[in-house]
Amino acid sequence: MTFSDIQAYCLSKEGAYEDYPFGPFPLCYKVGKRIFLEWYPQESKITVRCEPMLADYYRQTYPDFVVPGYHCPDRQRRYKNTVYIDRVPDDALIFEMIDHSYNEAASRK
């Protein structure tokens, strides 16, 4: 999966836009004022929002490429996962996680 694939998918979501609230990296995708994806291109990883039980499921099921949220404060780690996209064997799984993250953010905007 390439940066262009992720960018196009994120921007195809209703109301989604790019933002740089932390400087040039990470590149963030938001809906309303909520971030639903942080992109770290130099490390080929994304951080997504997730309902805590589902976040834990992804971490336990895919420990080779899903870890607790990178650079997240401890209180937010249960709600965010970092995904090493170059290790994910199925692009559909990445899209599934992005969809869930977008829906979580959109429901709270």
PDB file of N, CA and C in Angstrom:
ATOM      1  N   MET A   1       0.856  -1.172   0.000  1.00  0.00           N
ATOM      2  CA  MET A   1       0.000   0.000   0.000  1.00  0.00           C
ATOM      3  C   MET A   1       0.901   1.234   0.000  1.00  0.00           C
ATOM      4  N   THR A   2       0.551   2.206  -0.814  1.00  0.00           N
ATOM      5  CA  THR A   2       1.366   3.411  -0.954  1.00  0.00           C
ATOM      6  C   THR A   2       0.729   4.594  -0.215  1.00  0.00           C
ATOM      7  N   PHE A   3       1.528   5.633  -0.076  1.00  0.00           N
ATOM      8  CA  PHE A   3       1.013   6.868   0.510  1.00  0.00           C
ATOM      9  C   PHE A   3      -0.183   7.374  -0.282  1.00  0.00           C
ATOM     10  N   SER A   4      -0.086   7.331  -1.599  1.00  0.00           N
ATOM     11  CA  SER A   4      -1.180   7.817  -2.448  1.00  0.00           C
ATOM     12  C   SER A   4      -2.458   7.028  -2.213  1.00  0.00           C
ATOM     13  N   ASP A   5      -2.333   5.712  -2.002  1.00  0.00           N
ATOM     14  CA  ASP A   5      -3.515   4.886  -1.720  1.00  0.00           C
ATOM     15  C   ASP A   5      -4.192   5.331  -0.423  1.00  0.00           C
ATOM     16  N   ILE A   6      -3.394   5.520   0.608  1.00  0.00           N
ATOM     17  CA  ILE A   6      -3.941   5.932   1.914  1.00  0.00           C
ATOM     18  C   ILE A   6      -4.515   7.336   1.824  1.00  0.00           C
ATOM     19  N   GLN A   7      -3.791   8.245   1.200  1.00  0.00           N
ATOM     20  CA  GLN A   7      -4.259   9.614   1.049  1.00  0.00           C
ATOM     21  C   GLN A   7      -5.595   9.665   0.320  1.00  0.00           C
ATOM     22  N   ALA A   8      -5.681   8.983  -0.802  1.00  0.00           N
ATOM     23  CA  ALA A   8      -6.922   8.988  -1.587  1.00  0.00           C
ATOM     24  C   ALA A   8      -8.069   8.369  -0.800  1.00  0.00           C
ATOM     25  N   TYR A   9      -7.795   7.293  -0.082  1.00  0.00           N
ATOM     26  CA  TYR A   9      -8.852   6.631   0.688  1.00  0.00           C
ATOM     27  C   TYR A   9      -9.356   7.540   1.812  1.00  0.00           C
ATOM     28  N   CYS A  10      -8.429   8.144   2.532  1.00  0.00           N
ATOM     29  CA  CYS A  10      -8.826   9.044   3.629  1.00  0.00           C
ATOM     30  C   CYS A  10      -9.624  10.234   3.098  1.00  0.00           C
ATOM     31  N   LEU A  11      -9.147  10.840   2.022  1.00  0.00           N
ATOM     32  CA  LEU A  11      -9.814  12.032   1.489  1.00  0.00           C
ATOM     33  C   LEU A  11     -11.133  11.707   0.796  1.00  0.00           C
ATOM     34  N   SER A  12     -11.378  10.430   0.512  1.00  0.00           N
ATOM     35  CA  SER A  12     -12.663  10.035  -0.068  1.00  0.00           C
ATOM     36  C   SER A  12     -13.784  10.007   0.973  1.00  0.00           C
ATOM     37  N   LYS A  13     -13.417  10.076   2.237  1.00  0.00           N
ATOM     38  CA  LYS A  13     -14.405  10.054   3.314  1.00  0.00           C
ATOM     39  C   LYS A  13     -15.097  11.420   3.413  1.00  0.00           C
ATOM     40  N   GLU A  14     -16.377  11.401   3.676  1.00  0.00           N
ATOM     41  CA  GLU A  14     -17.157  12.638   3.769  1.00  0.00           C
ATOM     42  C   GLU A  14     -16.594  13.566   4.845  1.00  0.00           C
ATOM     43  N   GLY A  15     -16.277  14.790   4.446  1.00  0.00           N
ATOM     44  CA  GLY A  15     -15.787  15.805   5.384  1.00  0.00           C
ATOM     45  C   GLY A  15     -14.337  15.656   5.786  1.00  0.00           C
ATOM     46  N   ALA A  16     -13.616  14.711   5.222  1.00  0.00           N
ATOM     47  CA  ALA A  16     -12.218  14.474   5.606  1.00  0.00           C
ATOM     48  C   ALA A  16     -11.290  15.495   4.950  1.00  0.00           C
ATOM     49  N   TYR A  17     -10.252  15.849   5.680  1.00  0.00           N
ATOM     50  CA  TYR A  17      -9.252  16.778   5.155  1.00  0.00           C
ATOM     51  C   TYR A  17      -7.900  16.510   5.810  1.00  0.00           C
ATOM     52  N   GLU A  18      -6.822  16.997   5.149  1.00  0.00           N
ATOM     53  CA  GLU A  18      -5.466  16.877   5.683  1.00  0.00           C
ATOM     54  C   GLU A  18      -5.176  18.065   6.593  1.00  0.00           C
ATOM     55  N   ASP A  19      -4.356  17.800   7.600  1.00  0.00           N
ATOM     56  CA  ASP A  19      -3.956  18.857   8.519  1.00  0.00           C
ATOM     57  C   ASP A  19      -2.564  18.528   9.059  1.00  0.00           C
ATOM     58  N   TYR A  20      -1.861  19.558   9.518  1.00  0.00           N
ATOM     59  CA  TYR A  20      -0.516  19.404  10.056  1.00  0.00           C
ATOM     60  C   TYR A  20      -0.438  20.054  11.441  1.00  0.00           C
ATOM     61  N   PRO A  21      -1.204  19.567  12.425  1.00  0.00           N
ATOM     62  CA  PRO A  21      -1.239  20.221  13.728  1.00  0.00           C
ATOM     63  C   PRO A  21       0.041  20.089  14.539  1.00  0.00           C
ATOM     64  N   PHE A  22       0.922  19.147  14.165  1.00  0.00           N
ATOM     65  CA  PHE A  22       2.146  18.899  14.927  1.00  0.00           C
ATOM     66  C   PHE A  22       3.400  19.249  14.146  1.00  0.00           C
ATOM     67  N   GLY A  23       3.263  19.970  13.043  1.00  0.00           N
ATOM     68  CA  GLY A  23       4.389  20.250  12.160  1.00  0.00           C
ATOM     69  C   GLY A  23       4.281  19.363  10.929  1.00  0.00           C
ATOM     70  N   PRO A  24       5.390  19.179  10.205  1.00  0.00           N
ATOM     71  CA  PRO A  24       5.308  18.422   8.959  1.00  0.00           C
ATOM     72  C   PRO A  24       4.945  16.939   9.150  1.00  0.00           C
ATOM     73  N   PHE A  25       5.272  16.388  10.301  1.00  0.00           N
ATOM     74  CA  PHE A  25       4.941  14.991  10.604  1.00  0.00           C
ATOM     75  C   PHE A  25       4.380  14.900  12.012  1.00  0.00           C
ATOM     76  N   PRO A  26       3.411  14.086  12.236  1.00  0.00           N
ATOM     77  CA  PRO A  26       2.738  13.272  11.235  1.00  0.00           C
ATOM     78  C   PRO A  26       1.753  14.108  10.423  1.00  0.00           C
ATOM     79  N   LEU A  27       1.499  13.635   9.227  1.00  0.00           N
ATOM     80  CA  LEU A  27       0.423  14.190   8.419  1.00  0.00           C
ATOM     81  C   LEU A  27      -0.863  13.608   8.994  1.00  0.00           C
ATOM     82  N   CYS A  28      -1.829  14.451   9.314  1.00  0.00           N
ATOM     83  CA  CYS A  28      -3.056  13.985   9.951  1.00  0.00           C
ATOM     84  C   CYS A  28      -4.251  14.140   9.022  1.00  0.00           C
ATOM     85  N   TYR A  29      -5.148  13.198   9.140  1.00  0.00           N
ATOM     86  CA  TYR A  29      -6.423  13.257   8.439  1.00  0.00           C
ATOM     87  C   TYR A  29      -7.495  13.411   9.501  1.00  0.00           C
ATOM     88  N   LYS A  30      -8.367  14.401   9.270  1.00  0.00           N
ATOM     89  CA  LYS A  30      -9.384  14.736  10.255  1.00  0.00           C
ATOM     90  C   LYS A  30     -10.771  14.724   9.634  1.00  0.00           C
ATOM     91  N   VAL A  31     -11.747  14.564  10.519  1.00  0.00           N
ATOM     92  CA  VAL A  31     -13.145  14.806  10.183  1.00  0.00           C
ATOM     93  C   VAL A  31     -13.650  15.682  11.327  1.00  0.00           C
ATOM     94  N   GLY A  32     -14.265  16.821  10.982  1.00  0.00           N
ATOM     95  CA  GLY A  32     -14.552  17.808  12.021  1.00  0.00           C
ATOM     96  C   GLY A  32     -13.219  18.259  12.596  1.00  0.00           C
ATOM     97  N   LYS A  33     -13.102  18.253  13.897  1.00  0.00           N
ATOM     98  CA  LYS A  33     -11.834  18.618  14.537  1.00  0.00           C
ATOM     99  C   LYS A  33     -11.084  17.399  15.052  1.00  0.00           C
ATOM    100  N   ARG A  34     -11.565  16.208  14.729  1.00  0.00           N
ATOM    101  CA  ARG A  34     -11.002  14.968  15.258  1.00  0.00           C
ATOM    102  C   ARG A  34     -10.071  14.284  14.252  1.00  0.00           C
ATOM    103  N   ILE A  35      -8.911  13.878  14.746  1.00  0.00           N
ATOM    104  CA  ILE A  35      -7.964  13.126  13.928  1.00  0.00           C
ATOM    105  C   ILE A  35      -8.440  11.680  13.843  1.00  0.00           C
ATOM    106  N   PHE A  36      -8.480  11.150  12.619  1.00  0.00           N
ATOM    107  CA  PHE A  36      -8.786   9.732  12.484  1.00  0.00           C
ATOM    108  C   PHE A  36      -7.609   8.927  11.941  1.00  0.00           C
ATOM    109  N   LEU A  37      -6.572   9.615  11.460  1.00  0.00           N
ATOM    110  CA  LEU A  37      -5.382   8.899  11.004  1.00  0.00           C
ATOM    111  C   LEU A  37      -4.179   9.815  11.079  1.00  0.00           C
ATOM    112  N   GLU A  38      -3.098   9.291  11.630  1.00  0.00           N
ATOM    113  CA  GLU A  38      -1.801   9.973  11.628  1.00  0.00           C
ATOM    114  C   GLU A  38      -0.882   9.134  10.760  1.00  0.00           C
ATOM    115  N   TRP A  39      -0.226   9.782   9.821  1.00  0.00           N
ATOM    116  CA  TRP A  39       0.624   9.095   8.861  1.00  0.00           C
ATOM    117  C   TRP A  39       2.072   9.480   9.110  1.00  0.00           C
ATOM    118  N   TYR A  40       2.920   8.462   9.321  1.00  0.00           N
ATOM    119  CA  TYR A  40       4.353   8.641   9.519  1.00  0.00           C
ATOM    120  C   TYR A  40       5.052   7.993   8.314  1.00  0.00           C
ATOM    121  N   PRO A  41       5.169   8.717   7.193  1.00  0.00           N
ATOM    122  CA  PRO A  41       5.679   8.104   5.961  1.00  0.00           C
ATOM    123  C   PRO A  41       7.121   7.606   6.067  1.00  0.00           C
ATOM    124  N   GLN A  42       7.954   8.293   6.827  1.00  0.00           N
ATOM    125  CA  GLN A  42       9.353   7.885   6.921  1.00  0.00           C
ATOM    126  C   GLN A  42       9.505   6.542   7.619  1.00  0.00           C
ATOM    127  N   GLU A  43       8.481   6.130   8.379  1.00  0.00           N
ATOM    128  CA  GLU A  43       8.540   4.863   9.099  1.00  0.00           C
ATOM    129  C   GLU A  43       7.480   3.876   8.596  1.00  0.00           C
ATOM    130  N   SER A  44       6.773   4.242   7.564  1.00  0.00           N
ATOM    131  CA  SER A  44       5.747   3.395   6.952  1.00  0.00           C
ATOM    132  C   SER A  44       4.738   2.881   7.981  1.00  0.00           C
ATOM    133  N   LYS A  45       4.198   3.832   8.748  1.00  0.00           N
ATOM    134  CA  LYS A  45       3.198   3.452   9.747  1.00  0.00           C
ATOM    135  C   LYS A  45       2.125   4.512   9.860  1.00  0.00           C
ATOM    136  N   ILE A  46       0.964   4.041  10.325  1.00  0.00           N
ATOM    137  CA  ILE A  46      -0.156   4.926  10.583  1.00  0.00           C
ATOM    138  C   ILE A  46      -0.654   4.666  11.995  1.00  0.00           C
ATOM    139  N   THR A  47      -1.258   5.681  12.586  1.00  0.00           N
ATOM    140  CA  THR A  47      -1.933   5.510  13.869  1.00  0.00           C
ATOM    141  C   THR A  47      -3.394   5.840  13.648  1.00  0.00           C
ATOM    142  N   VAL A  48      -4.259   4.939  14.129  1.00  0.00           N
ATOM    143  CA  VAL A  48      -5.696   5.066  13.948  1.00  0.00           C
ATOM    144  C   VAL A  48      -6.417   4.993  15.293  1.00  0.00           C
ATOM    145  N   ARG A  49      -7.598   5.609  15.342  1.00  0.00           N
ATOM    146  CA  ARG A  49      -8.483   5.505  16.499  1.00  0.00           C
ATOM    147  C   ARG A  49      -9.115   4.132  16.528  1.00  0.00           C
ATOM    148  N   CYS A  50      -9.488   3.700  17.722  1.00  0.00           N
ATOM    149  CA  CYS A  50     -10.124   2.401  17.811  1.00  0.00           C
ATOM    150  C   CYS A  50     -10.871   2.280  19.130  1.00  0.00           C
ATOM    151  N   GLU A  51     -12.011   1.638  19.090  1.00  0.00           N
ATOM    152  CA  GLU A  51     -12.740   1.307  20.313  1.00  0.00           C
ATOM    153  C   GLU A  51     -11.828   0.364  21.103  1.00  0.00           C
ATOM    154  N   PRO A  52     -11.694   0.539  22.425  1.00  0.00           N
ATOM    155  CA  PRO A  52     -10.685  -0.197  23.198  1.00  0.00           C
ATOM    156  C   PRO A  52     -10.698  -1.725  23.051  1.00  0.00           C
ATOM    157  N   MET A  53     -11.865  -2.342  23.051  1.00  0.00           N
ATOM    158  CA  MET A  53     -11.892  -3.806  22.934  1.00  0.00           C
ATOM    159  C   MET A  53     -11.432  -4.257  21.546  1.00  0.00           C
ATOM    160  N   LEU A  54     -11.812  -3.510  20.515  1.00  0.00           N
ATOM    161  CA  LEU A  54     -11.373  -3.841  19.168  1.00  0.00           C
ATOM    162  C   LEU A  54      -9.874  -3.563  19.008  1.00  0.00           C
ATOM    163  N   ALA A  55      -9.403  -2.487  19.614  1.00  0.00           N
ATOM    164  CA  ALA A  55      -7.970  -2.174  19.571  1.00  0.00           C
ATOM    165  C   ALA A  55      -7.165  -3.332  20.154  1.00  0.00           C
ATOM    166  N   ASP A  56      -7.618  -3.840  21.296  1.00  0.00           N
ATOM    167  CA  ASP A  56      -6.946  -4.961  21.941  1.00  0.00           C
ATOM    168  C   ASP A  56      -7.008  -6.218  21.063  1.00  0.00           C
ATOM    169  N   TYR A  57      -8.144  -6.448  20.437  1.00  0.00           N
ATOM    170  CA  TYR A  57      -8.287  -7.593  19.532  1.00  0.00           C
ATOM    171  C   TYR A  57      -7.259  -7.518  18.398  1.00  0.00           C
ATOM    172  N   TYR A  58      -7.159  -6.352  17.756  1.00  0.00           N
ATOM    173  CA  TYR A  58      -6.193  -6.199  16.669  1.00  0.00           C
ATOM    174  C   TYR A  58      -4.768  -6.445  17.162  1.00  0.00           C
ATOM    175  N   ARG A  59      -4.421  -5.928  18.334  1.00  0.00           N
ATOM    176  CA  ARG A  59      -3.068  -6.108  18.870  1.00  0.00           C
ATOM    177  C   ARG A  59      -2.760  -7.574  19.147  1.00  0.00           C
ATOM    178  N   GLN A  60      -3.737  -8.280  19.695  1.00  0.00           N
ATOM    179  CA  GLN A  60      -3.525  -9.699  20.012  1.00  0.00           C
ATOM    180  C   GLN A  60      -3.518 -10.567  18.755  1.00  0.00           C
ATOM    181  N   THR A  61      -4.359 -10.223  17.786  1.00  0.00           N
ATOM    182  CA  THR A  61      -4.474 -11.021  16.567  1.00  0.00           C
ATOM    183  C   THR A  61      -3.323 -10.764  15.599  1.00  0.00           C
ATOM    184  N   TYR A  62      -2.832  -9.541  15.553  1.00  0.00           N
ATOM    185  CA  TYR A  62      -1.797  -9.150  14.587  1.00  0.00           C
ATOM    186  C   TYR A  62      -0.600  -8.493  15.285  1.00  0.00           C
ATOM    187  N   PRO A  63       0.039  -9.193  16.213  1.00  0.00           N
ATOM    188  CA  PRO A  63       1.131  -8.564  16.978  1.00  0.00           C
ATOM    189  C   PRO A  63       2.353  -8.195  16.136  1.00  0.00           C
ATOM    190  N   ASP A  64       2.465  -8.762  14.939  1.00  0.00           N
ATOM    191  CA  ASP A  64       3.613  -8.441  14.084  1.00  0.00           C
ATOM    192  C   ASP A  64       3.516  -7.070  13.440  1.00  0.00           C
ATOM    193  N   PHE A  65       2.303  -6.498  13.395  1.00  0.00           N
ATOM    194  CA  PHE A  65       2.184  -5.202  12.736  1.00  0.00           C
ATOM    195  C   PHE A  65       1.196  -4.243  13.387  1.00  0.00           C
ATOM    196  N   VAL A  66       0.555  -4.604  14.487  1.00  0.00           N
ATOM    197  CA  VAL A  66      -0.332  -3.684  15.207  1.00  0.00           C
ATOM    198  C   VAL A  66       0.150  -3.590  16.656  1.00  0.00           C
ATOM    199  N   VAL A  67       0.434  -2.368  17.093  1.00  0.00           N
ATOM    200  CA  VAL A  67       0.930  -2.111  18.450  1.00  0.00           C
ATOM    201  C   VAL A  67       0.146  -0.941  19.050  1.00  0.00           C
ATOM    202  N   PRO A  68       0.238  -0.754  20.381  1.00  0.00           N
ATOM    203  CA  PRO A  68      -0.423   0.416  20.974  1.00  0.00           C
ATOM    204  C   PRO A  68       0.055   1.706  20.313  1.00  0.00           C
ATOM    205  N   GLY A  69      -0.794   2.699  20.327  1.00  0.00           N
ATOM    206  CA  GLY A  69      -0.538   3.961  19.642  1.00  0.00           C
ATOM    207  C   GLY A  69       0.835   4.564  19.875  1.00  0.00           C
ATOM    208  N   TYR A  70       1.548   4.766  18.794  1.00  0.00           N
ATOM    209  CA  TYR A  70       2.869   5.377  18.789  1.00  0.00           C
ATOM    210  C   TYR A  70       2.744   6.844  19.189  1.00  0.00           C
ATOM    211  N   HIS A  71       3.579   7.306  20.072  1.00  0.00           N
ATOM    212  CA  HIS A  71       3.608   8.703  20.524  1.00  0.00           C
ATOM    213  C   HIS A  71       2.298   9.164  21.164  1.00  0.00           C
ATOM    214  N   CYS A  72       1.508   8.239  21.677  1.00  0.00           N
ATOM    215  CA  CYS A  72       0.253   8.615  22.341  1.00  0.00           C
ATOM    216  C   CYS A  72       0.484   8.677  23.845  1.00  0.00           C
ATOM    217  N   PRO A  73      -0.115   9.657  24.504  1.00  0.00           N
ATOM    218  CA  PRO A  73      -0.051   9.657  25.968  1.00  0.00           C
ATOM    219  C   PRO A  73      -0.685   8.373  26.509  1.00  0.00           C
ATOM    220  N   ASP A  74      -0.255   7.922  27.655  1.00  0.00           N
ATOM    221  CA  ASP A  74      -0.748   6.669  28.229  1.00  0.00           C
ATOM    222  C   ASP A  74      -2.267   6.589  28.255  1.00  0.00           C
ATOM    223  N   ARG A  75      -2.937   7.680  28.591  1.00  0.00           N
ATOM    224  CA  ARG A  75      -4.400   7.644  28.704  1.00  0.00           C
ATOM    225  C   ARG A  75      -5.094   7.435  27.356  1.00  0.00           C
ATOM    226  N   GLN A  76      -4.400   7.676  26.248  1.00  0.00           N
ATOM    227  CA  GLN A  76      -4.978   7.494  24.915  1.00  0.00           C
ATOM    228  C   GLN A  76      -4.585   6.183  24.251  1.00  0.00           C
ATOM    229  N   ARG A  77      -3.607   5.489  24.802  1.00  0.00           N
ATOM    230  CA  ARG A  77      -3.097   4.276  24.145  1.00  0.00           C
ATOM    231  C   ARG A  77      -4.155   3.205  23.954  1.00  0.00           C
ATOM    232  N   ARG A  78      -5.092   3.099  24.858  1.00  0.00           N
ATOM    233  CA  ARG A  78      -6.122   2.063  24.708  1.00  0.00           C
ATOM    234  C   ARG A  78      -7.074   2.378  23.549  1.00  0.00           C
ATOM    235  N   TYR A  79      -7.078   3.638  23.098  1.00  0.00           N
ATOM    236  CA  TYR A  79      -7.969   4.071  22.018  1.00  0.00           C
ATOM    237  C   TYR A  79      -7.278   4.190  20.660  1.00  0.00           C
ATOM    238  N   LYS A  80      -5.990   3.919  20.600  1.00  0.00           N
ATOM    239  CA  LYS A  80      -5.253   4.110  19.347  1.00  0.00           C
ATOM    240  C   LYS A  80      -4.297   2.951  19.103  1.00  0.00           C
ATOM    241  N   ASN A  81      -4.209   2.583  17.844  1.00  0.00           N
ATOM    242  CA  ASN A  81      -3.260   1.561  17.407  1.00  0.00           C
ATOM    243  C   ASN A  81      -2.359   2.140  16.335  1.00  0.00           C
ATOM    244  N   THR A  82      -1.114   1.714  16.364  1.00  0.00           N
ATOM    245  CA  THR A  82      -0.188   2.024  15.295  1.00  0.00           C
ATOM    246  C   THR A  82      -0.020   0.768  14.453  1.00  0.00           C
ATOM    247  N   VAL A  83      -0.096   0.959  13.144  1.00  0.00           N
ATOM    248  CA  VAL A  83      -0.061  -0.149  12.199  1.00  0.00           C
ATOM    249  C   VAL A  83       1.123   0.057  11.257  1.00  0.00           C
ATOM    250  N   TYR A  84       2.011  -0.922  11.206  1.00  0.00           N
ATOM    251  CA  TYR A  84       3.148  -0.894  10.287  1.00  0.00           C
ATOM    252  C   TYR A  84       2.659  -1.424   8.943  1.00  0.00           C
ATOM    253  N   ILE A  85       2.311  -0.503   8.061  1.00  0.00           N
ATOM    254  CA  ILE A  85       1.577  -0.885   6.856  1.00  0.00           C
ATOM    255  C   ILE A  85       2.384  -1.754   5.890  1.00  0.00           C
ATOM    256  N   ASP A  86       3.698  -1.651   5.907  1.00  0.00           N
ATOM    257  CA  ASP A  86       4.488  -2.485   4.998  1.00  0.00           C
ATOM    258  C   ASP A  86       4.535  -3.942   5.455  1.00  0.00           C
ATOM    259  N   ARG A  87       4.018  -4.238   6.644  1.00  0.00           N
ATOM    260  CA  ARG A  87       3.987  -5.616   7.149  1.00  0.00           C
ATOM    261  C   ARG A  87       2.604  -6.258   7.036  1.00  0.00           C
ATOM    262  N   VAL A  88       1.586  -5.471   6.711  1.00  0.00           N
ATOM    263  CA  VAL A  88       0.213  -5.986   6.650  1.00  0.00           C
ATOM    264  C   VAL A  88       0.046  -6.803   5.361  1.00  0.00           C
ATOM    265  N   PRO A  89      -0.353  -8.066   5.478  1.00  0.00           N
ATOM    266  CA  PRO A  89      -0.441  -8.908   4.286  1.00  0.00           C
ATOM    267  C   PRO A  89      -1.664  -8.645   3.397  1.00  0.00           C
ATOM    268  N   ASP A  90      -2.649  -7.905   3.915  1.00  0.00           N
ATOM    269  CA  ASP A  90      -3.891  -7.708   3.162  1.00  0.00           C
ATOM    270  C   ASP A  90      -4.322  -6.242   3.278  1.00  0.00           C
ATOM    271  N   ASP A  91      -4.318  -5.530   2.150  1.00  0.00           N
ATOM    272  CA  ASP A  91      -4.707  -4.115   2.159  1.00  0.00           C
ATOM    273  C   ASP A  91      -6.114  -3.907   2.699  1.00  0.00           C
ATOM    274  N   ALA A  92      -6.997  -4.873   2.518  1.00  0.00           N
ATOM    275  CA  ALA A  92      -8.371  -4.741   3.012  1.00  0.00           C
ATOM    276  C   ALA A  92      -8.397  -4.534   4.524  1.00  0.00           C
ATOM    277  N   LEU A  93      -7.453  -5.133   5.228  1.00  0.00           N
ATOM    278  CA  LEU A  93      -7.384  -4.963   6.679  1.00  0.00           C
ATOM    279  C   LEU A  93      -7.039  -3.518   7.048  1.00  0.00           C
ATOM    280  N   ILE A  94      -6.164  -2.907   6.278  1.00  0.00           N
ATOM    281  CA  ILE A  94      -5.822  -1.500   6.527  1.00  0.00           C
ATOM    282  C   ILE A  94      -7.055  -0.626   6.298  1.00  0.00           C
ATOM    283  N   PHE A  95      -7.763  -0.858   5.209  1.00  0.00           N
ATOM    284  CA  PHE A  95      -8.973  -0.084   4.926  1.00  0.00           C
ATOM    285  C   PHE A  95     -10.025  -0.288   6.021  1.00  0.00           C
ATOM    286  N   GLU A  96     -10.140  -1.499   6.530  1.00  0.00           N
ATOM    287  CA  GLU A  96     -11.073  -1.794   7.624  1.00  0.00           C
ATOM    288  C   GLU A  96     -10.734  -0.954   8.857  1.00  0.00           C
ATOM    289  N   MET A  97      -9.458  -0.879   9.199  1.00  0.00           N
ATOM    290  CA  MET A  97      -9.033  -0.094  10.361  1.00  0.00           C
ATOM    291  C   MET A  97      -9.246   1.398  10.128  1.00  0.00           C
ATOM    292  N   ILE A  98      -8.981   1.869   8.924  1.00  0.00           N
ATOM    293  CA  ILE A  98      -9.220   3.277   8.606  1.00  0.00           C
ATOM    294  C   ILE A  98     -10.711   3.591   8.698  1.00  0.00           C
ATOM    295  N   ASP A  99     -11.542   2.711   8.170  1.00  0.00           N
ATOM    296  CA  ASP A  99     -12.998   2.909   8.241  1.00  0.00           C
ATOM    297  C   ASP A  99     -13.462   3.018   9.683  1.00  0.00           C
ATOM    298  N   HIS A 100     -12.994   2.113  10.525  1.00  0.00           N
ATOM    299  CA  HIS A 100     -13.398   2.140  11.934  1.00  0.00           C
ATOM    300  C   HIS A 100     -12.928   3.443  12.590  1.00  0.00           C
ATOM    301  N   SER A 101     -11.708   3.828  12.315  1.00  0.00           N
ATOM    302  CA  SER A 101     -11.158   5.051  12.893  1.00  0.00           C
ATOM    303  C   SER A 101     -11.962   6.282  12.460  1.00  0.00           C
ATOM    304  N   TYR A 102     -12.256   6.346  11.175  1.00  0.00           N
ATOM    305  CA  TYR A 102     -13.064   7.456  10.661  1.00  0.00           C
ATOM    306  C   TYR A 102     -14.423   7.491  11.360  1.00  0.00           C
ATOM    307  N   ASN A 103     -15.078   6.353  11.465  1.00  0.00           N
ATOM    308  CA  ASN A 103     -16.398   6.295  12.105  1.00  0.00           C
ATOM    309  C   ASN A 103     -16.334   6.703  13.574  1.00  0.00           C
ATOM    310  N   GLU A 104     -15.279   6.294  14.278  1.00  0.00           N
ATOM    311  CA  GLU A 104     -15.101   6.703  15.671  1.00  0.00           C
ATOM    312  C   GLU A 104     -14.954   8.218  15.768  1.00  0.00           C
ATOM    313  N   ALA A 105     -14.130   8.803  14.913  1.00  0.00           N
ATOM    314  CA  ALA A 105     -13.903  10.253  14.944  1.00  0.00           C
ATOM    315  C   ALA A 105     -15.159  11.007  14.506  1.00  0.00           C
ATOM    316  N   ALA A 106     -15.816  10.547  13.458  1.00  0.00           N
ATOM    317  CA  ALA A 106     -17.002  11.229  12.945  1.00  0.00           C
ATOM    318  C   ALA A 106     -18.145  11.219  13.966  1.00  0.00           C
ATOM    319  N   SER A 107     -18.227  10.165  14.746  1.00  0.00           N
ATOM    320  CA  SER A 107     -19.316  10.082  15.732  1.00  0.00           C
ATOM    321  C   SER A 107     -19.111  11.030  16.907  1.00  0.00           C
ATOM    322  N   ARG A 108     -17.907  11.590  17.027  1.00  0.00           N
ATOM    323  CA  ARG A 108     -17.568  12.464  18.160  1.00  0.00           C
ATOM    324  C   ARG A 108     -17.291  13.908  17.742  1.00  0.00           C
ATOM    325  N   LYS A 109     -17.510  14.232  16.470  1.00  0.00           N
ATOM    326  CA  LYS A 109     -17.162  15.591  16.019  1.00  0.00           C
ATOM    327  C   LYS A 109     -18.145  16.597  16.445  1.00  0.00           C
TER     328      LYS A 109
END
